Amino acid sequence: MTTLHTHPHAAFDRFPQLRRDLIAEFGSDGIDAVVEHFIAAERADFHWDGRIAEMNFAVWESLDDEDETFERVAILGYFRACYYVAICLVGGDRHVHWMLGLRHFESFESAEQAFWAGGG
């Protein structure tokens, strides 16, 4: 008998629910392309929402809009059954505006090490 253990970080993974929701809305024909399209369009949001930890670095002032400032934040998270570390720009409302960098890792330990080293 095989026993499967789910890693507790899997609870942060938004991918399975995204796939179920898209199948319910669009059907299963060509669903892989639909899923990839949604992920590409909302990549920063999916990774921000799947974060396990975050570390603020510094204020980043936009060159385009002098009134708006963002915070540079490193995040460690779990999405599509994979650990990642990313650097995001987050507004005062704590919503992600951009994801500047993203690295994937096979293990939590590798991702955590990159996270503590300054975001990857």
PDB file of N, CA and C in Angstrom:
ATOM      1  N   MET A   1       0.841  -1.183   0.000  1.00  0.00           N
ATOM      2  CA  MET A   1       0.000   0.000   0.000  1.00  0.00           C
ATOM      3  C   MET A   1       0.878   1.235   0.000  1.00  0.00           C
ATOM      4  N   THR A   2       0.576   2.179  -0.862  1.00  0.00           N
ATOM      5  CA  THR A   2       1.334   3.418  -0.970  1.00  0.00           C
ATOM      6  C   THR A   2       0.612   4.513  -0.204  1.00  0.00           C
ATOM      7  N   THR A   3       1.376   5.219   0.605  1.00  0.00           N
ATOM      8  CA  THR A   3       0.816   6.336   1.348  1.00  0.00           C
ATOM      9  C   THR A   3       1.367   7.625   0.759  1.00  0.00           C
ATOM     10  N   LEU A   4       0.491   8.540   0.421  1.00  0.00           N
ATOM     11  CA  LEU A   4       0.907   9.827  -0.113  1.00  0.00           C
ATOM     12  C   LEU A   4       0.799  10.873   0.971  1.00  0.00           C
ATOM     13  N   HIS A   5       1.825  11.669   1.086  1.00  0.00           N
ATOM     14  CA  HIS A   5       1.817  12.762   2.052  1.00  0.00           C
ATOM     15  C   HIS A   5       1.852  14.073   1.281  1.00  0.00           C
ATOM     16  N   THR A   6       0.931  14.942   1.570  1.00  0.00           N
ATOM     17  CA  THR A   6       0.886  16.248   0.938  1.00  0.00           C
ATOM     18  C   THR A   6       1.685  17.221   1.785  1.00  0.00           C
ATOM     19  N   HIS A   7       2.597  17.928   1.138  1.00  0.00           N
ATOM     20  CA  HIS A   7       3.385  18.918   1.857  1.00  0.00           C
ATOM     21  C   HIS A   7       2.448  20.044   2.294  1.00  0.00           C
ATOM     22  N   PRO A   8       2.631  20.557   3.507  1.00  0.00           N
ATOM     23  CA  PRO A   8       1.721  21.607   3.981  1.00  0.00           C
ATOM     24  C   PRO A   8       1.719  22.857   3.097  1.00  0.00           C
ATOM     25  N   HIS A   9       2.791  23.098   2.372  1.00  0.00           N
ATOM     26  CA  HIS A   9       2.819  24.272   1.495  1.00  0.00           C
ATOM     27  C   HIS A   9       1.890  24.111   0.299  1.00  0.00           C
ATOM     28  N   ALA A  10       1.469  22.897   0.008  1.00  0.00           N
ATOM     29  CA  ALA A  10       0.545  22.680  -1.107  1.00  0.00           C
ATOM     30  C   ALA A  10      -0.763  23.432  -0.903  1.00  0.00           C
ATOM     31  N   ALA A  11      -1.104  23.742   0.326  1.00  0.00           N
ATOM     32  CA  ALA A  11      -2.321  24.513   0.606  1.00  0.00           C
ATOM     33  C   ALA A  11      -2.246  25.921   0.027  1.00  0.00           C
ATOM     34  N   PHE A  12      -1.041  26.418  -0.240  1.00  0.00           N
ATOM     35  CA  PHE A  12      -0.869  27.752  -0.809  1.00  0.00           C
ATOM     36  C   PHE A  12      -0.992  27.745  -2.331  1.00  0.00           C
ATOM     37  N   ASP A  13      -0.976  26.580  -2.934  1.00  0.00           N
ATOM     38  CA  ASP A  13      -0.947  26.460  -4.389  1.00  0.00           C
ATOM     39  C   ASP A  13      -2.316  26.766  -4.983  1.00  0.00           C
ATOM     40  N   ARG A  14      -2.404  27.844  -5.729  1.00  0.00           N
ATOM     41  CA  ARG A  14      -3.672  28.242  -6.346  1.00  0.00           C
ATOM     42  C   ARG A  14      -3.930  27.533  -7.667  1.00  0.00           C
ATOM     43  N   PHE A  15      -2.940  26.800  -8.172  1.00  0.00           N
ATOM     44  CA  PHE A  15      -3.074  26.183  -9.486  1.00  0.00           C
ATOM     45  C   PHE A  15      -4.209  25.168  -9.595  1.00  0.00           C
ATOM     46  N   PRO A  16      -4.341  24.218  -8.674  1.00  0.00           N
ATOM     47  CA  PRO A  16      -5.433  23.243  -8.838  1.00  0.00           C
ATOM     48  C   PRO A  16      -6.823  23.886  -8.912  1.00  0.00           C
ATOM     49  N   GLN A  17      -7.079  24.881  -8.085  1.00  0.00           N
ATOM     50  CA  GLN A  17      -8.380  25.554  -8.114  1.00  0.00           C
ATOM     51  C   GLN A  17      -8.548  26.362  -9.401  1.00  0.00           C
ATOM     52  N   LEU A  18      -7.486  27.005  -9.859  1.00  0.00           N
ATOM     53  CA  LEU A  18      -7.543  27.741 -11.119  1.00  0.00           C
ATOM     54  C   LEU A  18      -7.949  26.798 -12.248  1.00  0.00           C
ATOM     55  N   ARG A  19      -7.313  25.662 -12.322  1.00  0.00           N
ATOM     56  CA  ARG A  19      -7.609  24.695 -13.376  1.00  0.00           C
ATOM     57  C   ARG A  19      -9.069  24.224 -13.294  1.00  0.00           C
ATOM     58  N   ARG A  20      -9.539  23.913 -12.091  1.00  0.00           N
ATOM     59  CA  ARG A  20     -10.942  23.484 -11.922  1.00  0.00           C
ATOM     60  C   ARG A  20     -11.906  24.586 -12.359  1.00  0.00           C
ATOM     61  N   ASP A  21     -11.622  25.810 -11.959  1.00  0.00           N
ATOM     62  CA  ASP A  21     -12.504  26.933 -12.317  1.00  0.00           C
ATOM     63  C   ASP A  21     -12.545  27.158 -13.827  1.00  0.00           C
ATOM     64  N   LEU A  22     -11.391  27.061 -14.459  1.00  0.00           N
ATOM     65  CA  LEU A  22     -11.349  27.279 -15.911  1.00  0.00           C
ATOM     66  C   LEU A  22     -12.026  26.142 -16.667  1.00  0.00           C
ATOM     67  N   ILE A  23     -11.900  24.919 -16.193  1.00  0.00           N
ATOM     68  CA  ILE A  23     -12.605  23.798 -16.822  1.00  0.00           C
ATOM     69  C   ILE A  23     -14.112  23.999 -16.682  1.00  0.00           C
ATOM     70  N   ALA A  24     -14.554  24.446 -15.511  1.00  0.00           N
ATOM     71  CA  ALA A  24     -15.981  24.694 -15.302  1.00  0.00           C
ATOM     72  C   ALA A  24     -16.503  25.785 -16.227  1.00  0.00           C
ATOM     73  N   GLU A  25     -15.677  26.791 -16.485  1.00  0.00           N
ATOM     74  CA  GLU A  25     -16.114  27.904 -17.318  1.00  0.00           C
ATOM     75  C   GLU A  25     -15.964  27.640 -18.815  1.00  0.00           C
ATOM     76  N   PHE A  26     -14.850  26.998 -19.213  1.00  0.00           N
ATOM     77  CA  PHE A  26     -14.544  26.860 -20.641  1.00  0.00           C
ATOM     78  C   PHE A  26     -14.595  25.423 -21.158  1.00  0.00           C
ATOM     79  N   GLY A  27     -14.776  24.444 -20.281  1.00  0.00           N
ATOM     80  CA  GLY A  27     -14.738  23.047 -20.712  1.00  0.00           C
ATOM     81  C   GLY A  27     -13.302  22.542 -20.753  1.00  0.00           C
ATOM     82  N   SER A  28     -13.136  21.260 -20.986  1.00  0.00           N
ATOM     83  CA  SER A  28     -11.796  20.672 -20.914  1.00  0.00           C
ATOM     84  C   SER A  28     -11.048  20.668 -22.244  1.00  0.00           C
ATOM     85  N   ASP A  29     -11.727  20.920 -23.360  1.00  0.00           N
ATOM     86  CA  ASP A  29     -11.044  20.962 -24.660  1.00  0.00           C
ATOM     87  C   ASP A  29     -10.091  22.145 -24.718  1.00  0.00           C
ATOM     88  N   GLY A  30      -8.822  21.858 -24.938  1.00  0.00           N
ATOM     89  CA  GLY A  30      -7.820  22.912 -25.049  1.00  0.00           C
ATOM     90  C   GLY A  30      -7.535  23.629 -23.743  1.00  0.00           C
ATOM     91  N   ILE A  31      -7.843  22.991 -22.630  1.00  0.00           N
ATOM     92  CA  ILE A  31      -7.732  23.668 -21.337  1.00  0.00           C
ATOM     93  C   ILE A  31      -6.295  24.054 -21.004  1.00  0.00           C
ATOM     94  N   ASP A  32      -5.326  23.267 -21.446  1.00  0.00           N
ATOM     95  CA  ASP A  32      -3.936  23.599 -21.135  1.00  0.00           C
ATOM     96  C   ASP A  32      -3.549  24.969 -21.700  1.00  0.00           C
ATOM     97  N   ALA A  33      -3.980  25.264 -22.911  1.00  0.00           N
ATOM     98  CA  ALA A  33      -3.691  26.568 -23.514  1.00  0.00           C
ATOM     99  C   ALA A  33      -4.420  27.691 -22.775  1.00  0.00           C
ATOM    100  N   VAL A  34      -5.657  27.424 -22.364  1.00  0.00           N
ATOM    101  CA  VAL A  34      -6.430  28.419 -21.620  1.00  0.00           C
ATOM    102  C   VAL A  34      -5.750  28.719 -20.285  1.00  0.00           C
ATOM    103  N   VAL A  35      -5.325  27.666 -19.587  1.00  0.00           N
ATOM    104  CA  VAL A  35      -4.642  27.839 -18.303  1.00  0.00           C
ATOM    105  C   VAL A  35      -3.376  28.662 -18.485  1.00  0.00           C
ATOM    106  N   GLU A  36      -2.577  28.340 -19.480  1.00  0.00           N
ATOM    107  CA  GLU A  36      -1.329  29.076 -19.723  1.00  0.00           C
ATOM    108  C   GLU A  36      -1.605  30.539 -20.045  1.00  0.00           C
ATOM    109  N   HIS A  37      -2.665  30.797 -20.776  1.00  0.00           N
ATOM    110  CA  HIS A  37      -3.044  32.176 -21.111  1.00  0.00           C
ATOM    111  C   HIS A  37      -3.386  32.968 -19.841  1.00  0.00           C
ATOM    112  N   PHE A  38      -4.169  32.378 -18.961  1.00  0.00           N
ATOM    113  CA  PHE A  38      -4.538  33.049 -17.708  1.00  0.00           C
ATOM    114  C   PHE A  38      -3.328  33.273 -16.812  1.00  0.00           C
ATOM    115  N   ILE A  39      -2.463  32.284 -16.728  1.00  0.00           N
ATOM    116  CA  ILE A  39      -1.270  32.429 -15.888  1.00  0.00           C
ATOM    117  C   ILE A  39      -0.372  33.530 -16.438  1.00  0.00           C
ATOM    118  N   ALA A  40      -0.170  33.558 -17.743  1.00  0.00           N
ATOM    119  CA  ALA A  40       0.673  34.598 -18.338  1.00  0.00           C
ATOM    120  C   ALA A  40       0.108  35.991 -18.070  1.00  0.00           C
ATOM    121  N   ALA A  41      -1.203  36.125 -18.140  1.00  0.00           N
ATOM    122  CA  ALA A  41      -1.844  37.426 -17.941  1.00  0.00           C
ATOM    123  C   ALA A  41      -1.810  37.882 -16.486  1.00  0.00           C
ATOM    124  N   GLU A  42      -1.803  36.941 -15.552  1.00  0.00           N
ATOM    125  CA  GLU A  42      -1.895  37.280 -14.130  1.00  0.00           C
ATOM    126  C   GLU A  42      -0.746  36.686 -13.310  1.00  0.00           C
ATOM    127  N   ARG A  43       0.403  36.486 -13.936  1.00  0.00           N
ATOM    128  CA  ARG A  43       1.534  35.815 -13.293  1.00  0.00           C
ATOM    129  C   ARG A  43       1.901  36.443 -11.945  1.00  0.00           C
ATOM    130  N   ALA A  44       2.028  37.737 -11.898  1.00  0.00           N
ATOM    131  CA  ALA A  44       2.427  38.406 -10.654  1.00  0.00           C
ATOM    132  C   ALA A  44       1.398  38.163  -9.548  1.00  0.00           C
ATOM    133  N   ASP A  45       0.113  38.234  -9.879  1.00  0.00           N
ATOM    134  CA  ASP A  45      -0.936  38.021  -8.874  1.00  0.00           C
ATOM    135  C   ASP A  45      -0.937  36.592  -8.336  1.00  0.00           C
ATOM    136  N   PHE A  46      -0.791  35.606  -9.221  1.00  0.00           N
ATOM    137  CA  PHE A  46      -0.769  34.216  -8.761  1.00  0.00           C
ATOM    138  C   PHE A  46       0.406  33.972  -7.819  1.00  0.00           C
ATOM    139  N   HIS A  47       1.561  34.526  -8.148  1.00  0.00           N
ATOM    140  CA  HIS A  47       2.731  34.315  -7.299  1.00  0.00           C
ATOM    141  C   HIS A  47       2.624  35.113  -5.992  1.00  0.00           C
ATOM    142  N   TRP A  48       2.104  36.307  -6.064  1.00  0.00           N
ATOM    143  CA  TRP A  48       1.921  37.101  -4.846  1.00  0.00           C
ATOM    144  C   TRP A  48       0.953  36.393  -3.898  1.00  0.00           C
ATOM    145  N   ASP A  49      -0.155  35.906  -4.432  1.00  0.00           N
ATOM    146  CA  ASP A  49      -1.162  35.242  -3.599  1.00  0.00           C
ATOM    147  C   ASP A  49      -0.670  33.904  -3.043  1.00  0.00           C
ATOM    148  N   GLY A  50       0.296  33.283  -3.695  1.00  0.00           N
ATOM    149  CA  GLY A  50       0.814  31.998  -3.237  1.00  0.00           C
ATOM    150  C   GLY A  50       2.035  32.111  -2.338  1.00  0.00           C
ATOM    151  N   ARG A  51       2.306  33.315  -1.863  1.00  0.00           N
ATOM    152  CA  ARG A  51       3.518  33.502  -1.058  1.00  0.00           C
ATOM    153  C   ARG A  51       3.373  32.884   0.322  1.00  0.00           C
ATOM    154  N   ILE A  52       4.474  32.354   0.793  1.00  0.00           N
ATOM    155  CA  ILE A  52       4.563  31.775   2.128  1.00  0.00           C
ATOM    156  C   ILE A  52       5.217  32.787   3.063  1.00  0.00           C
ATOM    157  N   ALA A  53       6.154  33.538   2.502  1.00  0.00           N
ATOM    158  CA  ALA A  53       6.880  34.542   3.291  1.00  0.00           C
ATOM    159  C   ALA A  53       7.186  35.730   2.393  1.00  0.00           C
ATOM    160  N   GLU A  54       7.381  36.873   3.022  1.00  0.00           N
ATOM    161  CA  GLU A  54       7.773  38.080   2.293  1.00  0.00           C
ATOM    162  C   GLU A  54       8.783  38.861   3.111  1.00  0.00           C
ATOM    163  N   MET A  55       9.628  39.605   2.405  1.00  0.00           N
ATOM    164  CA  MET A  55      10.657  40.411   3.059  1.00  0.00           C
ATOM    165  C   MET A  55      10.761  41.742   2.305  1.00  0.00           C
ATOM    166  N   ASN A  56      10.469  42.819   3.009  1.00  0.00           N
ATOM    167  CA  ASN A  56      10.538  44.153   2.404  1.00  0.00           C
ATOM    168  C   ASN A  56      11.984  44.603   2.306  1.00  0.00           C
ATOM    169  N   PHE A  57      12.327  45.213   1.162  1.00  0.00           N
ATOM    170  CA  PHE A  57      13.682  45.692   0.953  1.00  0.00           C
ATOM    171  C   PHE A  57      13.788  47.211   1.038  1.00  0.00           C
ATOM    172  N   ALA A  58      13.094  47.889   0.171  1.00  0.00           N
ATOM    173  CA  ALA A  58      13.256  49.335   0.106  1.00  0.00           C
ATOM    174  C   ALA A  58      12.090  49.950  -0.653  1.00  0.00           C
ATOM    175  N   VAL A  59      11.980  51.251  -0.515  1.00  0.00           N
ATOM    176  CA  VAL A  59      10.977  51.988  -1.278  1.00  0.00           C
ATOM    177  C   VAL A  59      11.536  52.222  -2.672  1.00  0.00           C
ATOM    178  N   TRP A  60      10.679  52.047  -3.657  1.00  0.00           N
ATOM    179  CA  TRP A  60      11.052  52.250  -5.051  1.00  0.00           C
ATOM    180  C   TRP A  60      10.141  53.331  -5.596  1.00  0.00           C
ATOM    181  N   GLU A  61      10.715  54.411  -6.075  1.00  0.00           N
ATOM    182  CA  GLU A  61       9.919  55.515  -6.596  1.00  0.00           C
ATOM    183  C   GLU A  61       9.808  55.407  -8.098  1.00  0.00           C
ATOM    184  N   SER A  62       8.599  55.500  -8.581  1.00  0.00           N
ATOM    185  CA  SER A  62       8.338  55.397 -10.005  1.00  0.00           C
ATOM    186  C   SER A  62       8.871  56.621 -10.726  1.00  0.00           C
ATOM    187  N   LEU A  63       9.482  56.405 -11.881  1.00  0.00           N
ATOM    188  CA  LEU A  63       9.959  57.520 -12.698  1.00  0.00           C
ATOM    189  C   LEU A  63       8.829  58.117 -13.527  1.00  0.00           C
ATOM    190  N   ASP A  64       7.785  57.330 -13.760  1.00  0.00           N
ATOM    191  CA  ASP A  64       6.665  57.784 -14.583  1.00  0.00           C
ATOM    192  C   ASP A  64       5.683  58.666 -13.828  1.00  0.00           C
ATOM    193  N   ASP A  65       5.437  58.333 -12.581  1.00  0.00           N
ATOM    194  CA  ASP A  65       4.424  59.037 -11.805  1.00  0.00           C
ATOM    195  C   ASP A  65       5.053  59.444 -10.476  1.00  0.00           C
ATOM    196  N   GLU A  66       5.360  60.710 -10.328  1.00  0.00           N
ATOM    197  CA  GLU A  66       6.105  61.178  -9.165  1.00  0.00           C
ATOM    198  C   GLU A  66       5.362  60.993  -7.844  1.00  0.00           C
ATOM    199  N   ASP A  67       4.050  60.857  -7.890  1.00  0.00           N
ATOM    200  CA  ASP A  67       3.279  60.735  -6.662  1.00  0.00           C
ATOM    201  C   ASP A  67       3.196  59.302  -6.130  1.00  0.00           C
ATOM    202  N   GLU A  68       3.547  58.341  -6.951  1.00  0.00           N
ATOM    203  CA  GLU A  68       3.366  56.954  -6.547  1.00  0.00           C
ATOM    204  C   GLU A  68       4.701  56.302  -6.191  1.00  0.00           C
ATOM    205  N   THR A  69       4.721  55.653  -5.040  1.00  0.00           N
ATOM    206  CA  THR A  69       5.898  54.900  -4.634  1.00  0.00           C
ATOM    207  C   THR A  69       5.484  53.454  -4.389  1.00  0.00           C
ATOM    208  N   PHE A  70       6.438  52.584  -4.556  1.00  0.00           N
ATOM    209  CA  PHE A  70       6.209  51.163  -4.358  1.00  0.00           C
ATOM    210  C   PHE A  70       7.271  50.626  -3.426  1.00  0.00           C
ATOM    211  N   GLU A  71       6.986  49.481  -2.856  1.00  0.00           N
ATOM    212  CA  GLU A  71       7.949  48.819  -2.011  1.00  0.00           C
ATOM    213  C   GLU A  71       8.481  47.603  -2.758  1.00  0.00           C
ATOM    214  N   ARG A  72       9.778  47.425  -2.722  1.00  0.00           N
ATOM    215  CA  ARG A  72      10.412  46.252  -3.327  1.00  0.00           C
ATOM    216  C   ARG A  72      10.368  45.129  -2.291  1.00  0.00           C
ATOM    217  N   VAL A  73       9.718  44.010  -2.656  1.00  0.00           N
ATOM    218  CA  VAL A  73       9.465  42.926  -1.711  1.00  0.00           C
ATOM    219  C   VAL A  73       9.916  41.602  -2.328  1.00  0.00           C
ATOM    220  N   ALA A  74      10.707  40.851  -1.579  1.00  0.00           N
ATOM    221  CA  ALA A  74      11.043  39.480  -1.981  1.00  0.00           C
ATOM    222  C   ALA A  74       9.978  38.561  -1.405  1.00  0.00           C
ATOM    223  N   ILE A  75       9.557  37.587  -2.205  1.00  0.00           N
ATOM    224  CA  ILE A  75       8.579  36.621  -1.722  1.00  0.00           C
ATOM    225  C   ILE A  75       9.089  35.202  -1.964  1.00  0.00           C
ATOM    226  N   LEU A  76       8.690  34.336  -1.077  1.00  0.00           N
ATOM    227  CA  LEU A  76       8.938  32.899  -1.180  1.00  0.00           C
ATOM    228  C   LEU A  76       7.571  32.254  -1.236  1.00  0.00           C
ATOM    229  N   GLY A  77       7.351  31.382  -2.217  1.00  0.00           N
ATOM    230  CA  GLY A  77       6.021  30.805  -2.330  1.00  0.00           C
ATOM    231  C   GLY A  77       5.994  29.472  -3.025  1.00  0.00           C
ATOM    232  N   TYR A  78       4.764  29.044  -3.319  1.00  0.00           N
ATOM    233  CA  TYR A  78       4.509  27.731  -3.889  1.00  0.00           C
ATOM    234  C   TYR A  78       3.390  27.859  -4.907  1.00  0.00           C
ATOM    235  N   PHE A  79       3.665  27.493  -6.170  1.00  0.00           N
ATOM    236  CA  PHE A  79       2.668  27.570  -7.237  1.00  0.00           C
ATOM    237  C   PHE A  79       2.984  26.500  -8.266  1.00  0.00           C
ATOM    238  N   ARG A  80       1.967  25.799  -8.716  1.00  0.00           N
ATOM    239  CA  ARG A  80       2.110  24.700  -9.686  1.00  0.00           C
ATOM    240  C   ARG A  80       3.040  23.617  -9.157  1.00  0.00           C
ATOM    241  N   ALA A  81       2.899  23.317  -7.861  1.00  0.00           N
ATOM    242  CA  ALA A  81       3.677  22.270  -7.191  1.00  0.00           C
ATOM    243  C   ALA A  81       5.174  22.554  -7.251  1.00  0.00           C
ATOM    244  N   CYS A  82       5.535  23.832  -7.213  1.00  0.00           N
ATOM    245  CA  CYS A  82       6.933  24.227  -7.315  1.00  0.00           C
ATOM    246  C   CYS A  82       7.189  25.422  -6.391  1.00  0.00           C
ATOM    247  N   TYR A  83       8.323  25.411  -5.744  1.00  0.00           N
ATOM    248  CA  TYR A  83       8.719  26.559  -4.916  1.00  0.00           C
ATOM    249  C   TYR A  83       9.317  27.634  -5.803  1.00  0.00           C
ATOM    250  N   TYR A  84       9.164  28.877  -5.390  1.00  0.00           N
ATOM    251  CA  TYR A  84       9.735  29.991  -6.145  1.00  0.00           C
ATOM    252  C   TYR A  84      10.140  31.099  -5.194  1.00  0.00           C
ATOM    253  N   VAL A  85      11.015  31.946  -5.710  1.00  0.00           N
ATOM    254  CA  VAL A  85      11.389  33.197  -5.061  1.00  0.00           C
ATOM    255  C   VAL A  85      11.241  34.267  -6.132  1.00  0.00           C
ATOM    256  N   ALA A  86      10.642  35.373  -5.765  1.00  0.00           N
ATOM    257  CA  ALA A  86      10.415  36.448  -6.721  1.00  0.00           C
ATOM    258  C   ALA A  86      10.647  37.795  -6.046  1.00  0.00           C
ATOM    259  N   ILE A  87      10.916  38.783  -6.870  1.00  0.00           N
ATOM    260  CA  ILE A  87      10.999  40.170  -6.422  1.00  0.00           C
ATOM    261  C   ILE A  87       9.805  40.901  -7.033  1.00  0.00           C
ATOM    262  N   CYS A  88       9.021  41.553  -6.180  1.00  0.00           N
ATOM    263  CA  CYS A  88       7.814  42.243  -6.626  1.00  0.00           C
ATOM    264  C   CYS A  88       7.848  43.705  -6.200  1.00  0.00           C
ATOM    265  N   LEU A  89       7.129  44.520  -6.933  1.00  0.00           N
ATOM    266  CA  LEU A  89       6.869  45.893  -6.517  1.00  0.00           C
ATOM    267  C   LEU A  89       5.429  45.948  -6.045  1.00  0.00           C
ATOM    268  N   VAL A  90       5.257  46.406  -4.808  1.00  0.00           N
ATOM    269  CA  VAL A  90       3.965  46.378  -4.136  1.00  0.00           C
ATOM    270  C   VAL A  90       3.575  47.801  -3.766  1.00  0.00           C
ATOM    271  N   GLY A  91       2.320  48.145  -4.025  1.00  0.00           N
ATOM    272  CA  GLY A  91       1.821  49.468  -3.686  1.00  0.00           C
ATOM    273  C   GLY A  91       1.477  49.583  -2.214  1.00  0.00           C
ATOM    274  N   GLY A  92       1.113  50.773  -1.807  1.00  0.00           N
ATOM    275  CA  GLY A  92       0.741  51.033  -0.419  1.00  0.00           C
ATOM    276  C   GLY A  92      -0.455  50.220   0.039  1.00  0.00           C
ATOM    277  N   ASP A  93      -1.268  49.772  -0.911  1.00  0.00           N
ATOM    278  CA  ASP A  93      -2.426  48.937  -0.593  1.00  0.00           C
ATOM    279  C   ASP A  93      -2.052  47.456  -0.452  1.00  0.00           C
ATOM    280  N   ARG A  94      -0.773  47.147  -0.549  1.00  0.00           N
ATOM    281  CA  ARG A  94      -0.209  45.786  -0.450  1.00  0.00           C
ATOM    282  C   ARG A  94      -0.690  44.880  -1.583  1.00  0.00           C
ATOM    283  N   HIS A  95      -0.993  45.466  -2.734  1.00  0.00           N
ATOM    284  CA  HIS A  95      -1.298  44.696  -3.939  1.00  0.00           C
ATOM    285  C   HIS A  95      -0.079  44.755  -4.849  1.00  0.00           C
ATOM    286  N   VAL A  96       0.238  43.638  -5.456  1.00  0.00           N
ATOM    287  CA  VAL A  96       1.392  43.574  -6.345  1.00  0.00           C
ATOM    288  C   VAL A  96       1.081  44.332  -7.632  1.00  0.00           C
ATOM    289  N   HIS A  97       2.075  45.096  -8.095  1.00  0.00           N
ATOM    290  CA  HIS A  97       1.930  45.834  -9.350  1.00  0.00           C
ATOM    291  C   HIS A  97       2.792  45.225 -10.447  1.00  0.00           C
ATOM    292  N   TRP A  98       3.989  44.764 -10.093  1.00  0.00           N
ATOM    293  CA  TRP A  98       4.901  44.145 -11.046  1.00  0.00           C
ATOM    294  C   TRP A  98       5.698  43.047 -10.354  1.00  0.00           C
ATOM    295  N   MET A  99       6.107  42.084 -11.149  1.00  0.00           N
ATOM    296  CA  MET A  99       7.041  41.083 -10.672  1.00  0.00           C
ATOM    297  C   MET A  99       8.308  41.255 -11.495  1.00  0.00           C
ATOM    298  N   LEU A 100       9.392  41.617 -10.817  1.00  0.00           N
ATOM    299  CA  LEU A 100      10.634  41.950 -11.504  1.00  0.00           C
ATOM    300  C   LEU A 100      11.497  40.734 -11.803  1.00  0.00           C
ATOM    301  N   GLY A 101      11.414  39.724 -10.990  1.00  0.00           N
ATOM    302  CA  GLY A 101      12.218  38.525 -11.194  1.00  0.00           C
ATOM    303  C   GLY A 101      11.541  37.329 -10.575  1.00  0.00           C
ATOM    304  N   LEU A 102      11.794  36.150 -11.137  1.00  0.00           N
ATOM    305  CA  LEU A 102      11.172  34.926 -10.657  1.00  0.00           C
ATOM    306  C   LEU A 102      12.122  33.766 -10.900  1.00  0.00           C
ATOM    307  N   ARG A 103      12.386  33.005  -9.846  1.00  0.00           N
ATOM    308  CA  ARG A 103      13.198  31.791  -9.951  1.00  0.00           C
ATOM    309  C   ARG A 103      12.459  30.636  -9.313  1.00  0.00           C
ATOM    310  N   HIS A 104      12.526  29.467  -9.954  1.00  0.00           N
ATOM    311  CA  HIS A 104      11.874  28.261  -9.443  1.00  0.00           C
ATOM    312  C   HIS A 104      12.906  27.331  -8.813  1.00  0.00           C
ATOM    313  N   PHE A 105      12.443  26.557  -7.831  1.00  0.00           N
ATOM    314  CA  PHE A 105      13.315  25.648  -7.090  1.00  0.00           C
ATOM    315  C   PHE A 105      12.611  24.314  -6.889  1.00  0.00           C
ATOM    316  N   GLU A 106      13.395  23.247  -6.842  1.00  0.00           N
ATOM    317  CA  GLU A 106      12.840  21.912  -6.647  1.00  0.00           C
ATOM    318  C   GLU A 106      12.545  21.617  -5.179  1.00  0.00           C
ATOM    319  N   SER A 107      13.213  22.317  -4.271  1.00  0.00           N
ATOM    320  CA  SER A 107      13.001  22.034  -2.853  1.00  0.00           C
ATOM    321  C   SER A 107      12.764  23.322  -2.084  1.00  0.00           C
ATOM    322  N   PHE A 108      12.083  23.170  -0.961  1.00  0.00           N
ATOM    323  CA  PHE A 108      11.847  24.303  -0.083  1.00  0.00           C
ATOM    324  C   PHE A 108      13.170  24.854   0.447  1.00  0.00           C
ATOM    325  N   GLU A 109      14.086  23.973   0.783  1.00  0.00           N
ATOM    326  CA  GLU A 109      15.364  24.394   1.347  1.00  0.00           C
ATOM    327  C   GLU A 109      16.138  25.288   0.387  1.00  0.00           C
ATOM    328  N   SER A 110      16.178  24.935  -0.890  1.00  0.00           N
ATOM    329  CA  SER A 110      16.875  25.754  -1.895  1.00  0.00           C
ATOM    330  C   SER A 110      16.199  27.111  -2.067  1.00  0.00           C
ATOM    331  N   ALA A 111      14.876  27.104  -2.113  1.00  0.00           N
ATOM    332  CA  ALA A 111      14.133  28.353  -2.261  1.00  0.00           C
ATOM    333  C   ALA A 111      14.322  29.237  -1.043  1.00  0.00           C
ATOM    334  N   GLU A 112      14.262  28.637   0.134  1.00  0.00           N
ATOM    335  CA  GLU A 112      14.441  29.411   1.373  1.00  0.00           C
ATOM    336  C   GLU A 112      15.839  30.030   1.437  1.00  0.00           C
ATOM    337  N   GLN A 113      16.839  29.291   1.034  1.00  0.00           N
ATOM    338  CA  GLN A 113      18.205  29.820   1.021  1.00  0.00           C
ATOM    339  C   GLN A 113      18.321  31.023   0.084  1.00  0.00           C
ATOM    340  N   ALA A 114      17.734  30.920  -1.101  1.00  0.00           N
ATOM    341  CA  ALA A 114      17.742  32.039  -2.055  1.00  0.00           C
ATOM    342  C   ALA A 114      16.964  33.222  -1.514  1.00  0.00           C
ATOM    343  N   PHE A 115      15.853  32.958  -0.860  1.00  0.00           N
ATOM    344  CA  PHE A 115      15.030  34.019  -0.278  1.00  0.00           C
ATOM    345  C   PHE A 115      15.830  34.800   0.753  1.00  0.00           C
ATOM    346  N   TRP A 116      16.486  34.099   1.685  1.00  0.00           N
ATOM    347  CA  TRP A 116      17.251  34.771   2.730  1.00  0.00           C
ATOM    348  C   TRP A 116      18.509  35.442   2.187  1.00  0.00           C
ATOM    349  N   ALA A 117      18.942  35.029   1.005  1.00  0.00           N
ATOM    350  CA  ALA A 117      20.123  35.649   0.384  1.00  0.00           C
ATOM    351  C   ALA A 117      19.756  36.927  -0.362  1.00  0.00           C
ATOM    352  N   GLY A 118      18.520  37.320  -0.297  1.00  0.00           N
ATOM    353  CA  GLY A 118      18.133  38.579  -0.900  1.00  0.00           C
ATOM    354  C   GLY A 118      17.180  38.445  -2.059  1.00  0.00           C
ATOM    355  N   GLY A 119      16.497  37.363  -2.120  1.00  0.00           N
ATOM    356  CA  GLY A 119      15.467  37.231  -3.136  1.00  0.00           C
ATOM    357  C   GLY A 119      15.859  36.414  -4.342  1.00  0.00           C
ATOM    358  N   GLY A 120      16.957  35.748  -4.278  1.00  0.00           N
ATOM    359  CA  GLY A 120      17.266  34.841  -5.372  1.00  0.00           C
ATOM    360  C   GLY A 120      18.427  35.239  -6.181  1.00  0.00           C
TER     361      GLY A 120
END
